[in-house]
C-alpha atoms as a PDB file:
ATOM      1  CA  MET A   1      82.809  99.221  91.869  1.00  0.00           C
ATOM      2  CA  ARG A   2      84.857 101.562  93.781  1.00  0.00           C
ATOM      3  CA  ILE A   3      82.006 103.603  94.676  1.00  0.00           C
ATOM      4  CA  ARG A   4      80.127 100.898  96.322  1.00  0.00           C
ATOM      5  CA  LEU A   5      83.227  99.478  98.543  1.00  0.00           C
ATOM      6  CA  LEU A   6      84.114 103.167  99.690  1.00  0.00           C
ATOM      7  CA  GLY A   7      80.384 103.314 100.592  1.00  0.00           C
ATOM      8  CA  ILE A   8      81.010 100.072 102.813  1.00  0.00           C
ATOM      9  CA  VAL A   9      84.676 101.246 104.192  1.00  0.00           C
ATOM     10  CA  GLY A  10      82.750 104.553 105.106  1.00  0.00           C
ATOM     11  CA  PHE A  11      79.884 102.450 106.778  1.00  0.00           C
ATOM     12  CA  MET A  12      82.171 100.820 109.050  1.00  0.00           C
ATOM     13  CA  LEU A  13      83.893 103.725 110.212  1.00  0.00           C
ATOM     14  CA  LEU A  14      80.820 105.121 110.885  1.00  0.00           C
ATOM     15  CA  MET A  15      79.696 102.128 113.046  1.00  0.00           C
ATOM     16  CA  ALA A  16      82.915 102.225 114.601  1.00  0.00           C
ATOM     17  CA  LEU A  17      83.232 105.923 115.512  1.00  0.00           C
ATOM     18  CA  GLY A  18      80.110 105.866 116.875  1.00  0.00           C
ATOM     19  CA  PHE A  19      80.748 102.753 119.575  1.00  0.00           C
ATOM     20  CA  ALA A  20      83.689 104.886 120.376  1.00  0.00           C
ATOM     21  CA  VAL A  21      82.008 108.268 120.511  1.00  0.00           C
ATOM     22  CA  GLU A  22      78.593 107.977 121.801  1.00  0.00           C
ATOM     23  CA  PRO A  23      79.126 106.549 125.227  1.00  0.00           C
ATOM     24  CA  VAL A  24      81.867 109.502 125.767  1.00  0.00           C
ATOM     25  CA  MET A  25      78.740 111.699 124.162  1.00  0.00           C
ATOM     26  CA  ALA A  26      76.399 110.367 126.777  1.00  0.00           C
ATOM     27  CA  GLN A  27      78.776 110.449 129.883  1.00  0.00           C
ATOM     28  CA  GLU A  28      79.332 114.758 128.908  1.00  0.00           C
ATOM     29  CA  GLU A  29      75.627 115.430 128.951  1.00  0.00           C
ATOM     30  CA  ALA A  30      74.979 113.143 132.157  1.00  0.00           C
ATOM     31  CA  GLN A  31      76.798 115.868 133.989  1.00  0.00           C
ATOM     32  CA  GLN A  32      74.330 117.929 135.147  1.00  0.00           C
ATOM     33  CA  VAL A  33      73.349 119.005 138.049  1.00  0.00           C
ATOM     34  CA  ALA A  34      70.724 117.282 139.255  1.00  0.00           C
ATOM     35  CA  PRO A  35      67.994 118.383 141.766  1.00  0.00           C
ATOM     36  CA  GLY A  36      68.891 119.061 145.533  1.00  0.00           C
ATOM     37  CA  MET A  37      72.570 118.180 144.234  1.00  0.00           C
ATOM     38  CA  THR A  38      75.149 120.765 146.459  1.00  0.00           C
ATOM     39  CA  LEU A  39      77.748 122.700 144.417  1.00  0.00           C
ATOM     40  CA  GLU A  40      81.097 124.035 145.156  1.00  0.00           C
ATOM     41  CA  ASP A  41      82.158 127.407 145.759  1.00  0.00           C
ATOM     42  CA  ASP A  42      82.407 127.809 142.522  1.00  0.00           C
ATOM     43  CA  GLY A  43      79.459 126.361 141.334  1.00  0.00           C
ATOM     44  CA  GLU A  44      80.633 123.209 139.699  1.00  0.00           C
ATOM     45  CA  PRO A  45      78.481 120.112 141.008  1.00  0.00           C
ATOM     46  CA  ALA A  46      80.547 118.325 144.077  1.00  0.00           C
ATOM     47  CA  ARG A  47      81.109 115.467 141.505  1.00  0.00           C
ATOM     48  CA  ALA A  48      84.040 113.033 140.040  1.00  0.00           C
ATOM     49  CA  ALA A  49      84.601 114.102 136.323  1.00  0.00           C
ATOM     50  CA  GLN A  50      83.658 111.100 134.370  1.00  0.00           C
ATOM     51  CA  PRO A  51      86.682 109.686 132.202  1.00  0.00           C
ATOM     52  CA  GLY A  52      86.682 110.615 128.329  1.00  0.00           C
ATOM     53  CA  PHE A  53      87.308 107.558 126.056  1.00  0.00           C
ATOM     54  CA  ILE A  54      91.423 108.733 125.434  1.00  0.00           C
ATOM     55  CA  GLN A  55      91.264 108.347 129.430  1.00  0.00           C
ATOM     56  CA  ILE A  56      89.688 104.726 129.395  1.00  0.00           C
ATOM     57  CA  VAL A  57      92.611 103.632 126.790  1.00  0.00           C
ATOM     58  CA  THR A  58      95.407 105.117 128.525  1.00  0.00           C
ATOM     59  CA  GLY A  59      94.525 104.519 131.502  1.00  0.00           C
ATOM     60  CA  ALA A  60      94.767 100.837 132.127  1.00  0.00           C
ATOM     61  CA  GLY A  61      98.793 100.759 131.914  1.00  0.00           C
ATOM     62  CA  PHE A  62     100.905  99.226 128.924  1.00  0.00           C
ATOM     63  CA  LEU A  63      98.522  95.932 128.805  1.00  0.00           C
ATOM     64  CA  GLY A  64      95.674  98.014 128.009  1.00  0.00           C
ATOM     65  CA  ILE A  65      97.495 100.339 125.228  1.00  0.00           C
ATOM     66  CA  ILE A  66      98.571  97.342 123.674  1.00  0.00           C
ATOM     67  CA  LEU A  67      94.593  95.439 123.836  1.00  0.00           C
ATOM     68  CA  TRP A  68      93.674  98.743 121.989  1.00  0.00           C
ATOM     69  CA  LEU A  69      96.439  98.801 119.499  1.00  0.00           C
ATOM     70  CA  SER A  70      95.124  94.735 119.071  1.00  0.00           C
ATOM     71  CA  ILE A  71      91.862  95.742 118.773  1.00  0.00           C
ATOM     72  CA  PHE A  72      92.328  98.422 116.472  1.00  0.00           C
ATOM     73  CA  ALA A  73      94.382  96.328 114.357  1.00  0.00           C
ATOM     74  CA  ALA A  74      92.034  94.048 114.039  1.00  0.00           C
ATOM     75  CA  SER A  75      89.713  96.191 112.856  1.00  0.00           C
ATOM     76  CA  ILE A  76      91.552  97.652 109.647  1.00  0.00           C
ATOM     77  CA  ALA A  77      92.588  93.868 109.232  1.00  0.00           C
ATOM     78  CA  GLY A  78      88.720  92.915 108.511  1.00  0.00           C
ATOM     79  CA  ILE A  79      88.504  96.282 106.332  1.00  0.00           C
ATOM     80  CA  ALA A  80      91.244  95.342 104.457  1.00  0.00           C
ATOM     81  CA  LEU A  81      89.926  91.968 103.733  1.00  0.00           C
ATOM     82  CA  ILE A  82      86.255  92.622 103.417  1.00  0.00           C
ATOM     83  CA  VAL A  83      87.147  95.130 100.627  1.00  0.00           C
ATOM     84  CA  ASP A  84      89.869  92.251  99.297  1.00  0.00           C
ATOM     85  CA  SER A  85      87.041  89.748  98.779  1.00  0.00           C
ATOM     86  CA  PHE A  86      84.895  92.370  97.317  1.00  0.00           C
ATOM     87  CA  ILE A  87      87.625  92.683  94.388  1.00  0.00           C
ATOM     88  CA  THR A  88      88.371  89.322  94.223  1.00  0.00           C
ATOM     89  CA  ILE A  89      85.957  86.672  94.870  1.00  0.00           C
ATOM     90  CA  ARG A  90      83.950  87.579  92.069  1.00  0.00           C
ATOM     91  CA  ALA A  91      82.881  85.094  88.738  1.00  0.00           C
ATOM     92  CA  SER A  92      84.720  87.645  86.447  1.00  0.00           C
ATOM     93  CA  LYS A  93      87.776  87.766  88.131  1.00  0.00           C
ATOM     94  CA  ILE A  94      87.906  84.070  88.657  1.00  0.00           C
ATOM     95  CA  ALA A  95      86.229  82.692  85.642  1.00  0.00           C
ATOM     96  CA  PRO A  96      85.512  85.137  83.148  1.00  0.00           C
ATOM     97  CA  GLU A  97      83.608  84.552  80.445  1.00  0.00           C
ATOM     98  CA  GLU A  98      85.973  86.062  77.694  1.00  0.00           C
ATOM     99  CA  LEU A  99      88.005  83.174  78.998  1.00  0.00           C
ATOM    100  CA  VAL A 100      85.734  80.419  78.268  1.00  0.00           C
ATOM    101  CA  SER A 101      84.707  81.672  75.042  1.00  0.00           C
ATOM    102  CA  GLU A 102      88.020  81.989  73.685  1.00  0.00           C
ATOM    103  CA  VAL A 103      88.672  78.718  74.803  1.00  0.00           C
ATOM    104  CA  ARG A 104      85.908  76.879  73.893  1.00  0.00           C
ATOM    105  CA  THR A 105      86.300  78.410  70.326  1.00  0.00           C
ATOM    106  CA  SER A 106      89.819  77.345  69.878  1.00  0.00           C
ATOM    107  CA  MET A 107      89.093  73.931  71.497  1.00  0.00           C
ATOM    108  CA  GLU A 108      86.344  73.645  68.718  1.00  0.00           C
ATOM    109  CA  GLN A 109      88.669  74.371  65.964  1.00  0.00           C
ATOM    110  CA  GLY A 110      90.973  71.582  67.534  1.00  0.00           C
ATOM    111  CA  ASP A 111      93.420  73.795  68.445  1.00  0.00           C
ATOM    112  CA  VAL A 112      94.871  73.236  71.468  1.00  0.00           C
ATOM    113  CA  MET A 113      97.928  75.240  71.827  1.00  0.00           C
ATOM    114  CA  LYS A 114      95.964  78.368  70.797  1.00  0.00           C
ATOM    115  CA  ALA A 115      93.564  77.739  73.992  1.00  0.00           C
ATOM    116  CA  LEU A 116      96.425  77.187  76.200  1.00  0.00           C
ATOM    117  CA  LYS A 117      98.125  80.527  74.795  1.00  0.00           C
ATOM    118  CA  HIS A 118      94.664  82.158  75.688  1.00  0.00           C
ATOM    119  CA  CYS A 119      94.885  80.716  79.045  1.00  0.00           C
ATOM    120  CA  GLU A 120      98.763  81.995  79.795  1.00  0.00           C
ATOM    121  CA  ASP A 121      98.015  85.641  78.277  1.00  0.00           C
ATOM    122  CA  THR A 122      94.678  85.187  81.194  1.00  0.00           C
ATOM    123  CA  PRO A 123      96.536  84.395  84.433  1.00  0.00           C
ATOM    124  CA  VAL A 124      93.225  83.602  86.622  1.00  0.00           C
ATOM    125  CA  PRO A 125      92.453  80.802  88.926  1.00  0.00           C
ATOM    126  CA  LEU A 126      90.256  78.937  85.880  1.00  0.00           C
ATOM    127  CA  SER A 127      93.201  79.429  82.846  1.00  0.00           C
ATOM    128  CA  ASN A 128      95.201  77.850  85.747  1.00  0.00           C
ATOM    129  CA  ILE A 129      92.945  74.766  85.891  1.00  0.00           C
ATOM    130  CA  LEU A 130      92.816  74.537  82.069  1.00  0.00           C
ATOM    131  CA  SER A 131      96.960  74.626  81.332  1.00  0.00           C
ATOM    132  CA  ALA A 132      97.346  71.680  83.879  1.00  0.00           C
ATOM    133  CA  GLY A 133      95.021  69.886  81.802  1.00  0.00           C
ATOM    134  CA  PHE A 134      96.520  71.385  78.438  1.00  0.00           C
ATOM    135  CA  THR A 135      99.885  70.257  79.725  1.00  0.00           C
ATOM    136  CA  ASN A 136      99.027  66.828  80.060  1.00  0.00           C
ATOM    137  CA  VAL A 137      96.878  66.398  76.678  1.00  0.00           C
ATOM    138  CA  GLU A 138      99.356  63.965  75.636  1.00  0.00           C
ATOM    139  CA  GLU A 139      98.785  61.602  78.591  1.00  0.00           C
ATOM    140  CA  GLY A 140      95.521  60.589  77.342  1.00  0.00           C
ATOM    141  CA  PHE A 141      92.292  61.688  78.879  1.00  0.00           C
ATOM    142  CA  GLU A 142      92.312  60.045  82.599  1.00  0.00           C
ATOM    143  CA  ALA A 143      95.583  61.903  82.952  1.00  0.00           C
ATOM    144  CA  ILE A 144      93.748  65.473  81.828  1.00  0.00           C
ATOM    145  CA  GLN A 145      91.049  64.775  84.952  1.00  0.00           C
ATOM    146  CA  ASP A 146      93.882  64.360  87.819  1.00  0.00           C
ATOM    147  CA  ALA A 147      95.655  67.268  86.270  1.00  0.00           C
ATOM    148  CA  VAL A 148      92.091  69.640  86.254  1.00  0.00           C
ATOM    149  CA  ALA A 149      91.443  67.811  89.478  1.00  0.00           C
ATOM    150  CA  VAL A 150      94.887  68.943  90.929  1.00  0.00           C
ATOM    151  CA  ALA A 151      94.530  71.838  90.050  1.00  0.00           C
ATOM    152  CA  ALA A 152      91.612  72.805  90.802  1.00  0.00           C
ATOM    153  CA  ASP A 153      91.575  71.951  94.437  1.00  0.00           C
ATOM    154  CA  LEU A 154      94.922  73.629  94.702  1.00  0.00           C
ATOM    155  CA  GLU A 155      92.947  77.010  93.271  1.00  0.00           C
ATOM    156  CA  GLY A 156      90.203  76.723  95.346  1.00  0.00           C
ATOM    157  CA  GLU A 157      92.253  76.502  98.919  1.00  0.00           C
ATOM    158  CA  LYS A 158      93.746  79.424  97.401  1.00  0.00           C
ATOM    159  CA  LEU A 159      90.445  81.134  97.139  1.00  0.00           C
ATOM    160  CA  MET A 160      89.425  80.121 100.487  1.00  0.00           C
ATOM    161  CA  GLN A 161      92.282  81.090 102.496  1.00  0.00           C
ATOM    162  CA  ARG A 162      91.635  84.518 101.608  1.00  0.00           C
ATOM    163  CA  VAL A 163      87.838  84.294 102.958  1.00  0.00           C
ATOM    164  CA  ASN A 164      89.313  82.207 106.221  1.00  0.00           C
ATOM    165  CA  TYR A 165      91.475  85.359 107.398  1.00  0.00           C
ATOM    166  CA  LEU A 166      88.032  86.630 107.892  1.00  0.00           C
ATOM    167  CA  ASN A 167      86.747  84.175 110.340  1.00  0.00           C
ATOM    168  CA  VAL A 168      90.199  84.366 112.385  1.00  0.00           C
ATOM    169  CA  VAL A 169      89.305  88.249 112.785  1.00  0.00           C
ATOM    170  CA  GLY A 170      85.592  87.208 113.955  1.00  0.00           C
ATOM    171  CA  ASN A 171      86.946  84.738 116.496  1.00  0.00           C
ATOM    172  CA  LEU A 172      89.975  87.256 117.565  1.00  0.00           C
ATOM    173  CA  ALA A 173      88.311  90.566 118.195  1.00  0.00           C
ATOM    174  CA  PRO A 174      86.054  89.114 120.701  1.00  0.00           C
ATOM    175  CA  MET A 175      88.597  87.443 122.514  1.00  0.00           C
ATOM    176  CA  LEU A 176      90.666  90.716 122.939  1.00  0.00           C
ATOM    177  CA  GLY A 177      87.699  92.342 123.997  1.00  0.00           C
ATOM    178  CA  LEU A 178      87.138  89.707 126.394  1.00  0.00           C
ATOM    179  CA  LEU A 179      90.840  90.297 127.734  1.00  0.00           C
ATOM    180  CA  GLY A 180      90.314  93.712 128.140  1.00  0.00           C
ATOM    181  CA  THR A 181      86.700  93.069 130.377  1.00  0.00           C
ATOM    182  CA  VAL A 182      89.191  90.519 132.317  1.00  0.00           C
ATOM    183  CA  GLN A 183      91.613  93.216 133.068  1.00  0.00           C
ATOM    184  CA  GLY A 184      89.089  95.819 133.702  1.00  0.00           C
ATOM    185  CA  MET A 185      87.420  93.761 135.957  1.00  0.00           C
ATOM    186  CA  ILE A 186      90.475  92.965 138.305  1.00  0.00           C
ATOM    187  CA  PHE A 187      91.231  96.617 138.134  1.00  0.00           C
ATOM    188  CA  ALA A 188      88.011  97.460 139.626  1.00  0.00           C
ATOM    189  CA  PHE A 189      88.229  94.635 142.221  1.00  0.00           C
ATOM    190  CA  ALA A 190      91.624  96.291 143.328  1.00  0.00           C
ATOM    191  CA  THR A 191      90.249  99.322 143.369  1.00  0.00           C
ATOM    192  CA  LEU A 192      87.765  98.335 145.991  1.00  0.00           C
ATOM    193  CA  ALA A 193      90.780  96.740 148.281  1.00  0.00           C
ATOM    194  CA  THR A 194      93.139  99.811 147.889  1.00  0.00           C
ATOM    195  CA  GLU A 195      90.805 103.148 147.278  1.00  0.00           C
ATOM    196  CA  ALA A 196      88.326 104.860 149.270  1.00  0.00           C
ATOM    197  CA  GLY A 197      85.943 108.027 148.503  1.00  0.00           C
ATOM    198  CA  GLY A 198      85.776 109.484 145.668  1.00  0.00           C
ATOM    199  CA  ALA A 199      89.077 108.712 144.099  1.00  0.00           C
ATOM    200  CA  GLN A 200      87.331 105.033 144.545  1.00  0.00           C
ATOM    201  CA  GLN A 201      84.450 105.814 142.404  1.00  0.00           C
ATOM    202  CA  ALA A 202      86.682 107.902 139.920  1.00  0.00           C
ATOM    203  CA  MET A 203      88.681 104.296 139.576  1.00  0.00           C
ATOM    204  CA  LEU A 204      85.575 102.285 139.633  1.00  0.00           C
ATOM    205  CA  ALA A 205      84.196 104.312 136.287  1.00  0.00           C
ATOM    206  CA  LEU A 206      87.518 103.878 134.694  1.00  0.00           C
ATOM    207  CA  ASN A 207      88.091 100.454 135.121  1.00  0.00           C
ATOM    208  CA  ILE A 208      84.260  99.379 134.496  1.00  0.00           C
ATOM    209  CA  SER A 209      84.503 101.576 131.408  1.00  0.00           C
ATOM    210  CA  GLN A 210      87.748 100.137 130.165  1.00  0.00           C
ATOM    211  CA  ALA A 211      85.945  96.939 130.167  1.00  0.00           C
ATOM    212  CA  LEU A 212      82.735  97.570 128.248  1.00  0.00           C
ATOM    213  CA  PHE A 213      84.676  99.225 125.856  1.00  0.00           C
ATOM    214  CA  THR A 214      86.685  96.295 125.319  1.00  0.00           C
ATOM    215  CA  THR A 215      83.835  94.226 125.270  1.00  0.00           C
ATOM    216  CA  ALA A 216      81.975  96.806 123.079  1.00  0.00           C
ATOM    217  CA  ALA A 217      84.975  97.203 120.682  1.00  0.00           C
ATOM    218  CA  GLY A 218      85.129  93.381 120.193  1.00  0.00           C
ATOM    219  CA  LEU A 219      82.096  92.677 118.895  1.00  0.00           C
ATOM    220  CA  ALA A 220      81.651  95.786 116.738  1.00  0.00           C
ATOM    221  CA  ILE A 221      84.472  94.200 114.999  1.00  0.00           C
ATOM    222  CA  ALA A 222      83.126  90.607 114.969  1.00  0.00           C
ATOM    223  CA  VAL A 223      79.445  91.327 114.325  1.00  0.00           C
ATOM    224  CA  PRO A 224      80.172  92.506 110.303  1.00  0.00           C
ATOM    225  CA  ALA A 225      83.314  90.137 110.187  1.00  0.00           C
ATOM    226  CA  VAL A 226      81.656  86.836 110.441  1.00  0.00           C
ATOM    227  CA  ALA A 227      78.763  87.784 108.550  1.00  0.00           C
ATOM    228  CA  PHE A 228      80.964  89.176 105.716  1.00  0.00           C
ATOM    229  CA  PHE A 229      82.950  85.382 106.210  1.00  0.00           C
ATOM    230  CA  TYR A 230      79.679  83.681 105.785  1.00  0.00           C
ATOM    231  CA  TYR A 231      78.566  85.715 102.437  1.00  0.00           C
ATOM    232  CA  PHE A 232      81.854  85.403 100.948  1.00  0.00           C
ATOM    233  CA  ARG A 233      82.402  81.714 101.619  1.00  0.00           C
ATOM    234  CA  ASN A 234      79.278  80.555 100.027  1.00  0.00           C
ATOM    235  CA  LYS A 235      79.811  82.825  97.252  1.00  0.00           C
ATOM    236  CA  ALA A 236      83.954  81.132  96.602  1.00  0.00           C
ATOM    237  CA  THR A 237      82.089  77.959  96.413  1.00  0.00           C
ATOM    238  CA  THR A 238      79.620  78.512  94.303  1.00  0.00           C
ATOM    239  CA  ILE A 239      81.914  79.911  91.778  1.00  0.00           C
ATOM    240  CA  ILE A 240      84.314  77.043  92.693  1.00  0.00           C
ATOM    241  CA  LEU A 241      81.649  74.437  91.790  1.00  0.00           C
ATOM    242  CA  ASN A 242      80.480  76.642  88.762  1.00  0.00           C
ATOM    243  CA  MET A 243      84.340  76.550  87.732  1.00  0.00           C
ATOM    244  CA  GLU A 244      84.865  73.172  87.832  1.00  0.00           C
ATOM    245  CA  GLY A 245      81.683  72.325  86.152  1.00  0.00           C
ATOM    246  CA  THR A 246      83.064  74.883  83.028  1.00  0.00           C
ATOM    247  CA  THR A 247      86.482  73.130  82.961  1.00  0.00           C
ATOM    248  CA  MET A 248      84.629  69.513  82.800  1.00  0.00           C
ATOM    249  CA  ASP A 249      82.629  70.920  79.805  1.00  0.00           C
ATOM    250  CA  LEU A 250      85.834  72.401  78.215  1.00  0.00           C
ATOM    251  CA  ILE A 251      88.224  69.417  77.884  1.00  0.00           C
ATOM    252  CA  LYS A 252      85.142  66.854  77.365  1.00  0.00           C
ATOM    253  CA  VAL A 253      86.597  66.999  74.039  1.00  0.00           C
ATOM    254  CA  PHE A 254      89.844  64.909  74.623  1.00  0.00           C
ATOM    255  CA  ARG A 255      87.373  62.228  75.913  1.00  0.00           C
ATOM    256  CA  ASN A 256      87.397  59.921  72.322  1.00  0.00           C
ATOM    257  CA  VAL A 257      90.515  61.662  71.397  1.00  0.00           C
ATOM    258  CA  GLU A 258      93.863  59.067  70.722  1.00  0.00           C
ATOM    259  CA  VAL A 259      97.319  60.137  70.988  1.00  0.00           C
ATOM    260  CA  VAL A 260      99.264  59.090  67.993  1.00  0.00           C
ATOM    261  CA  ASP A 261     103.247  59.824  68.722  1.00  0.00           C
ATOM    262  CA  ASP A 262     104.632  61.282  65.287  1.00  0.00           C
END
């Protein structure tokens, strides 16, 4: 399982690195002398150097640096949330078969306290739901159902809350990219009004590169984040429904049981 998670993280890092490096490499390869292009005295082509990725990040000023730091933070958060979801959104972590088997055996023996002890020894969402029912066994079956329903809703909300953070990253990343795009275009139009000649072309290239890079980076983060959000949300919903069904099956033995005071 760890090998699979490391592979996924490595794949996503390679994707992000590819988005960052490929345009810069393309720019470097494009800096060749075209047929008919004039050369300067030292043999270099008479054209402005293309901006690199570091220059793009730092050339947009304080706001641009803040935007890129925010995009990098969103990418790290997205990877961390995906890895965390792979670890936690599993049936074996939420409703382990061993716990179900132990509780079922204890219930068949009529030993509620032993079943409660098994739940306390295995702190997982299913055990929290069952414990809520077992601690209200003296109140009758309706009270047990109510306690189980409340605990199941609470555990389901906790589980879905972890997954919803992926949706936040998926929505926030393209907005950060769009903000960088707007900033780059504002600077580009300002360059047209204030610069001329070769300086104008260099600044336009820098500003437009800033705009396109931030858009690409935001989308590169948002696409996998949204895809994994829907995947984990559906998986969590299935697990929660199965867990609720298992819980009702385990507590149904209390349906016809009367509690007699000593």
